[in-house]
Amino acid sequence: MLDQYAPYVWASYAIFVAMLVWDYLIPRLRLRRTRRAIAIRMKREATRKPGGTP
């Protein structure tokens, strides 16, 4: 009887671990993408002519 629940339990553990990994990775990927975008924007603004229109 207990063997009937094993697939459900293991699937639940797998989903739980997948969500933990997701919650760990997604904010870090977003932060890296945002930092890269800021760096590109700063580089672009640094190459503009001084005294240009804002």
PDB file of N, CA and C in Angstrom:
ATOM      1  N   MET A   1       0.814  -1.200   0.000  1.00  0.00           N
ATOM      2  CA  MET A   1       0.000   0.000   0.000  1.00  0.00           C
ATOM      3  C   MET A   1       0.859   1.266   0.000  1.00  0.00           C
ATOM      4  N   LEU A   2       1.949   1.247   0.736  1.00  0.00           N
ATOM      5  CA  LEU A   2       2.787   2.441   0.790  1.00  0.00           C
ATOM      6  C   LEU A   2       3.478   2.722  -0.539  1.00  0.00           C
ATOM      7  N   ASP A   3       3.699   1.693  -1.335  1.00  0.00           N
ATOM      8  CA  ASP A   3       4.356   1.880  -2.625  1.00  0.00           C
ATOM      9  C   ASP A   3       3.502   2.694  -3.594  1.00  0.00           C
ATOM     10  N   GLN A   4       2.221   2.763  -3.355  1.00  0.00           N
ATOM     11  CA  GLN A   4       1.350   3.545  -4.231  1.00  0.00           C
ATOM     12  C   GLN A   4       1.613   5.035  -4.103  1.00  0.00           C
ATOM     13  N   TYR A   5       2.107   5.469  -2.973  1.00  0.00           N
ATOM     14  CA  TYR A   5       2.338   6.894  -2.735  1.00  0.00           C
ATOM     15  C   TYR A   5       3.731   7.357  -3.147  1.00  0.00           C
ATOM     16  N   ALA A   6       4.611   6.416  -3.399  1.00  0.00           N
ATOM     17  CA  ALA A   6       5.998   6.765  -3.709  1.00  0.00           C
ATOM     18  C   ALA A   6       6.120   7.711  -4.915  1.00  0.00           C
ATOM     19  N   PRO A   7       5.457   7.464  -6.034  1.00  0.00           N
ATOM     20  CA  PRO A   7       5.594   8.398  -7.163  1.00  0.00           C
ATOM     21  C   PRO A   7       5.125   9.813  -6.811  1.00  0.00           C
ATOM     22  N   TYR A   8       4.049   9.902  -6.052  1.00  0.00           N
ATOM     23  CA  TYR A   8       3.552  11.212  -5.650  1.00  0.00           C
ATOM     24  C   TYR A   8       4.561  11.931  -4.756  1.00  0.00           C
ATOM     25  N   VAL A   9       5.121  11.211  -3.809  1.00  0.00           N
ATOM     26  CA  VAL A   9       6.078  11.807  -2.872  1.00  0.00           C
ATOM     27  C   VAL A   9       7.332  12.254  -3.611  1.00  0.00           C
ATOM     28  N   TRP A  10       7.880  11.398  -4.468  1.00  0.00           N
ATOM     29  CA  TRP A  10       9.097  11.763  -5.190  1.00  0.00           C
ATOM     30  C   TRP A  10       8.842  12.908  -6.175  1.00  0.00           C
ATOM     31  N   ALA A  11       7.690  12.914  -6.789  1.00  0.00           N
ATOM     32  CA  ALA A  11       7.357  14.035  -7.685  1.00  0.00           C
ATOM     33  C   ALA A  11       7.233  15.328  -6.889  1.00  0.00           C
ATOM     34  N   SER A  12       6.672  15.249  -5.709  1.00  0.00           N
ATOM     35  CA  SER A  12       6.552  16.439  -4.864  1.00  0.00           C
ATOM     36  C   SER A  12       7.924  16.961  -4.460  1.00  0.00           C
ATOM     37  N   TYR A  13       8.822  16.054  -4.079  1.00  0.00           N
ATOM     38  CA  TYR A  13      10.184  16.460  -3.734  1.00  0.00           C
ATOM     39  C   TYR A  13      10.875  17.092  -4.941  1.00  0.00           C
ATOM     40  N   ALA A  14      10.701  16.513  -6.100  1.00  0.00           N
ATOM     41  CA  ALA A  14      11.343  17.037  -7.302  1.00  0.00           C
ATOM     42  C   ALA A  14      10.831  18.440  -7.623  1.00  0.00           C
ATOM     43  N   ILE A  15       9.539  18.651  -7.513  1.00  0.00           N
ATOM     44  CA  ILE A  15       8.971  19.976  -7.770  1.00  0.00           C
ATOM     45  C   ILE A  15       9.467  20.981  -6.739  1.00  0.00           C
ATOM     46  N   PHE A  16       9.540  20.563  -5.488  1.00  0.00           N
ATOM     47  CA  PHE A  16      10.031  21.438  -4.429  1.00  0.00           C
ATOM     48  C   PHE A  16      11.470  21.862  -4.697  1.00  0.00           C
ATOM     49  N   VAL A  17      12.332  20.920  -5.045  1.00  0.00           N
ATOM     50  CA  VAL A  17      13.730  21.239  -5.333  1.00  0.00           C
ATOM     51  C   VAL A  17      13.832  22.131  -6.566  1.00  0.00           C
ATOM     52  N   ALA A  18      13.031  21.856  -7.583  1.00  0.00           N
ATOM     53  CA  ALA A  18      13.043  22.694  -8.784  1.00  0.00           C
ATOM     54  C   ALA A  18      12.644  24.128  -8.458  1.00  0.00           C
ATOM     55  N   MET A  19      11.669  24.302  -7.585  1.00  0.00           N
ATOM     56  CA  MET A  19      11.255  25.654  -7.203  1.00  0.00           C
ATOM     57  C   MET A  19      12.327  26.351  -6.376  1.00  0.00           C
ATOM     58  N   LEU A  20      13.018  25.610  -5.518  1.00  0.00           N
ATOM     59  CA  LEU A  20      14.126  26.214  -4.764  1.00  0.00           C
ATOM     60  C   LEU A  20      15.219  26.702  -5.706  1.00  0.00           C
ATOM     61  N   VAL A  21      15.556  25.889  -6.696  1.00  0.00           N
ATOM     62  CA  VAL A  21      16.570  26.284  -7.677  1.00  0.00           C
ATOM     63  C   VAL A  21      16.090  27.501  -8.457  1.00  0.00           C
ATOM     64  N   TRP A  22      14.840  27.494  -8.870  1.00  0.00           N
ATOM     65  CA  TRP A  22      14.255  28.615  -9.598  1.00  0.00           C
ATOM     66  C   TRP A  22      14.331  29.906  -8.773  1.00  0.00           C
ATOM     67  N   ASP A  23      13.930  29.824  -7.514  1.00  0.00           N
ATOM     68  CA  ASP A  23      13.955  31.000  -6.640  1.00  0.00           C
ATOM     69  C   ASP A  23      15.366  31.490  -6.366  1.00  0.00           C
ATOM     70  N   TYR A  24      16.336  30.631  -6.488  1.00  0.00           N
ATOM     71  CA  TYR A  24      17.725  31.027  -6.297  1.00  0.00           C
ATOM     72  C   TYR A  24      18.296  31.671  -7.562  1.00  0.00           C
ATOM     73  N   LEU A  25      18.010  31.080  -8.708  1.00  0.00           N
ATOM     74  CA  LEU A  25      18.652  31.513  -9.951  1.00  0.00           C
ATOM     75  C   LEU A  25      18.039  32.758 -10.588  1.00  0.00           C
ATOM     76  N   ILE A  26      16.733  32.847 -10.629  1.00  0.00           N
ATOM     77  CA  ILE A  26      16.083  33.914 -11.380  1.00  0.00           C
ATOM     78  C   ILE A  26      16.486  35.314 -10.890  1.00  0.00           C
ATOM     79  N   PRO A  27      16.482  35.599  -9.599  1.00  0.00           N
ATOM     80  CA  PRO A  27      16.914  36.937  -9.185  1.00  0.00           C
ATOM     81  C   PRO A  27      18.367  37.228  -9.552  1.00  0.00           C
ATOM     82  N   ARG A  28      19.226  36.227  -9.484  1.00  0.00           N
ATOM     83  CA  ARG A  28      20.628  36.450  -9.838  1.00  0.00           C
ATOM     84  C   ARG A  28      20.793  36.709 -11.329  1.00  0.00           C
ATOM     85  N   LEU A  29      20.037  36.013 -12.152  1.00  0.00           N
ATOM     86  CA  LEU A  29      20.095  36.255 -13.594  1.00  0.00           C
ATOM     87  C   LEU A  29      19.564  37.646 -13.938  1.00  0.00           C
ATOM     88  N   ARG A  30      18.492  38.059 -13.276  1.00  0.00           N
ATOM     89  CA  ARG A  30      17.954  39.401 -13.510  1.00  0.00           C
ATOM     90  C   ARG A  30      18.943  40.471 -13.081  1.00  0.00           C
ATOM     91  N   LEU A  31      19.599  40.258 -11.940  1.00  0.00           N
ATOM     92  CA  LEU A  31      20.580  41.224 -11.458  1.00  0.00           C
ATOM     93  C   LEU A  31      21.742  41.338 -12.432  1.00  0.00           C
ATOM     94  N   ARG A  32      22.209  40.204 -12.941  1.00  0.00           N
ATOM     95  CA  ARG A  32      23.312  40.233 -13.894  1.00  0.00           C
ATOM     96  C   ARG A  32      22.908  40.962 -15.166  1.00  0.00           C
ATOM     97  N   ARG A  33      21.690  40.713 -15.650  1.00  0.00           N
ATOM     98  CA  ARG A  33      21.208  41.378 -16.856  1.00  0.00           C
ATOM     99  C   ARG A  33      21.066  42.882 -16.634  1.00  0.00           C
ATOM    100  N   THR A  34      20.571  43.276 -15.458  1.00  0.00           N
ATOM    101  CA  THR A  34      20.409  44.689 -15.151  1.00  0.00           C
ATOM    102  C   THR A  34      21.765  45.376 -15.042  1.00  0.00           C
ATOM    103  N   ARG A  35      22.713  44.725 -14.372  1.00  0.00           N
ATOM    104  CA  ARG A  35      24.059  45.312 -14.271  1.00  0.00           C
ATOM    105  C   ARG A  35      24.696  45.477 -15.643  1.00  0.00           C
ATOM    106  N   ARG A  36      24.509  44.488 -16.514  1.00  0.00           N
ATOM    107  CA  ARG A  36      25.061  44.576 -17.864  1.00  0.00           C
ATOM    108  C   ARG A  36      24.427  45.738 -18.628  1.00  0.00           C
ATOM    109  N   ALA A  37      23.105  45.908 -18.488  1.00  0.00           N
ATOM    110  CA  ALA A  37      22.421  47.003 -19.173  1.00  0.00           C
ATOM    111  C   ALA A  37      22.894  48.350 -18.657  1.00  0.00           C
ATOM    112  N   ILE A  38      23.114  48.463 -17.353  1.00  0.00           N
ATOM    113  CA  ILE A  38      23.604  49.712 -16.774  1.00  0.00           C
ATOM    114  C   ILE A  38      25.010  50.006 -17.278  1.00  0.00           C
ATOM    115  N   ALA A  39      25.864  48.988 -17.328  1.00  0.00           N
ATOM    116  CA  ALA A  39      27.227  49.187 -17.811  1.00  0.00           C
ATOM    117  C   ALA A  39      27.227  49.654 -19.267  1.00  0.00           C
ATOM    118  N   ILE A  40      26.382  49.053 -20.092  1.00  0.00           N
ATOM    119  CA  ILE A  40      26.300  49.454 -21.498  1.00  0.00           C
ATOM    120  C   ILE A  40      25.813  50.892 -21.609  1.00  0.00           C
ATOM    121  N   ARG A  41      24.808  51.239 -20.811  1.00  0.00           N
ATOM    122  CA  ARG A  41      24.277  52.600 -20.853  1.00  0.00           C
ATOM    123  C   ARG A  41      25.317  53.619 -20.394  1.00  0.00           C
ATOM    124  N   MET A  42      26.046  53.296 -19.334  1.00  0.00           N
ATOM    125  CA  MET A  42      27.080  54.216 -18.851  1.00  0.00           C
ATOM    126  C   MET A  42      28.187  54.380 -19.884  1.00  0.00           C
ATOM    127  N   LYS A  43      28.564  53.283 -20.539  1.00  0.00           N
ATOM    128  CA  LYS A  43      29.600  53.353 -21.569  1.00  0.00           C
ATOM    129  C   LYS A  43      29.131  54.215 -22.738  1.00  0.00           C
ATOM    130  N   ARG A  44      27.867  54.040 -23.128  1.00  0.00           N
ATOM    131  CA  ARG A  44      27.316  54.826 -24.226  1.00  0.00           C
ATOM    132  C   ARG A  44      27.261  56.303 -23.868  1.00  0.00           C
ATOM    133  N   GLU A  45      26.842  56.610 -22.638  1.00  0.00           N
ATOM    134  CA  GLU A  45      26.751  58.012 -22.217  1.00  0.00           C
ATOM    135  C   GLU A  45      28.129  58.631 -22.043  1.00  0.00           C
ATOM    136  N   ALA A  46      29.137  57.829 -21.700  1.00  0.00           N
ATOM    137  CA  ALA A  46      30.492  58.362 -21.528  1.00  0.00           C
ATOM    138  C   ALA A  46      31.106  58.724 -22.873  1.00  0.00           C
ATOM    139  N   THR A  47      30.665  58.099 -23.951  1.00  0.00           N
ATOM    140  CA  THR A  47      31.235  58.406 -25.262  1.00  0.00           C
ATOM    141  C   THR A  47      30.532  59.575 -25.948  1.00  0.00           C
ATOM    142  N   ARG A  48      29.452  60.064 -25.361  1.00  0.00           N
ATOM    143  CA  ARG A  48      28.787  61.225 -25.945  1.00  0.00           C
ATOM    144  C   ARG A  48      29.668  62.460 -25.831  1.00  0.00           C
ATOM    145  N   LYS A  49      29.421  63.412 -26.696  1.00  0.00           N
ATOM    146  CA  LYS A  49      30.160  64.652 -26.646  1.00  0.00           C
ATOM    147  C   LYS A  49      29.753  65.428 -25.391  1.00  0.00           C
ATOM    148  N   PRO A  50      30.709  66.022 -24.725  1.00  0.00           N
ATOM    149  CA  PRO A  50      30.346  66.863 -23.578  1.00  0.00           C
ATOM    150  C   PRO A  50      29.635  68.123 -24.064  1.00  0.00           C
ATOM    151  N   GLY A  51      28.659  68.567 -23.296  1.00  0.00           N
ATOM    152  CA  GLY A  51      27.941  69.769 -23.645  1.00  0.00           C
ATOM    153  C   GLY A  51      26.831  69.538 -24.637  1.00  0.00           C
ATOM    154  N   GLY A  52      26.494  68.317 -24.910  1.00  0.00           N
ATOM    155  CA  GLY A  52      25.408  67.997 -25.830  1.00  0.00           C
ATOM    156  C   GLY A  52      24.066  68.264 -25.185  1.00  0.00           C
ATOM    157  N   THR A  53      23.017  68.114 -25.959  1.00  0.00           N
ATOM    158  CA  THR A  53      21.689  68.326 -25.400  1.00  0.00           C
ATOM    159  C   THR A  53      21.325  67.160 -24.503  1.00  0.00           C
ATOM    160  N   PRO A  54      20.660  67.411 -23.392  1.00  0.00           N
ATOM    161  CA  PRO A  54      20.324  66.333 -22.467  1.00  0.00           C
ATOM    162  C   PRO A  54      19.220  65.443 -22.970  1.00  0.00           C
TER     163      PRO A  54
END
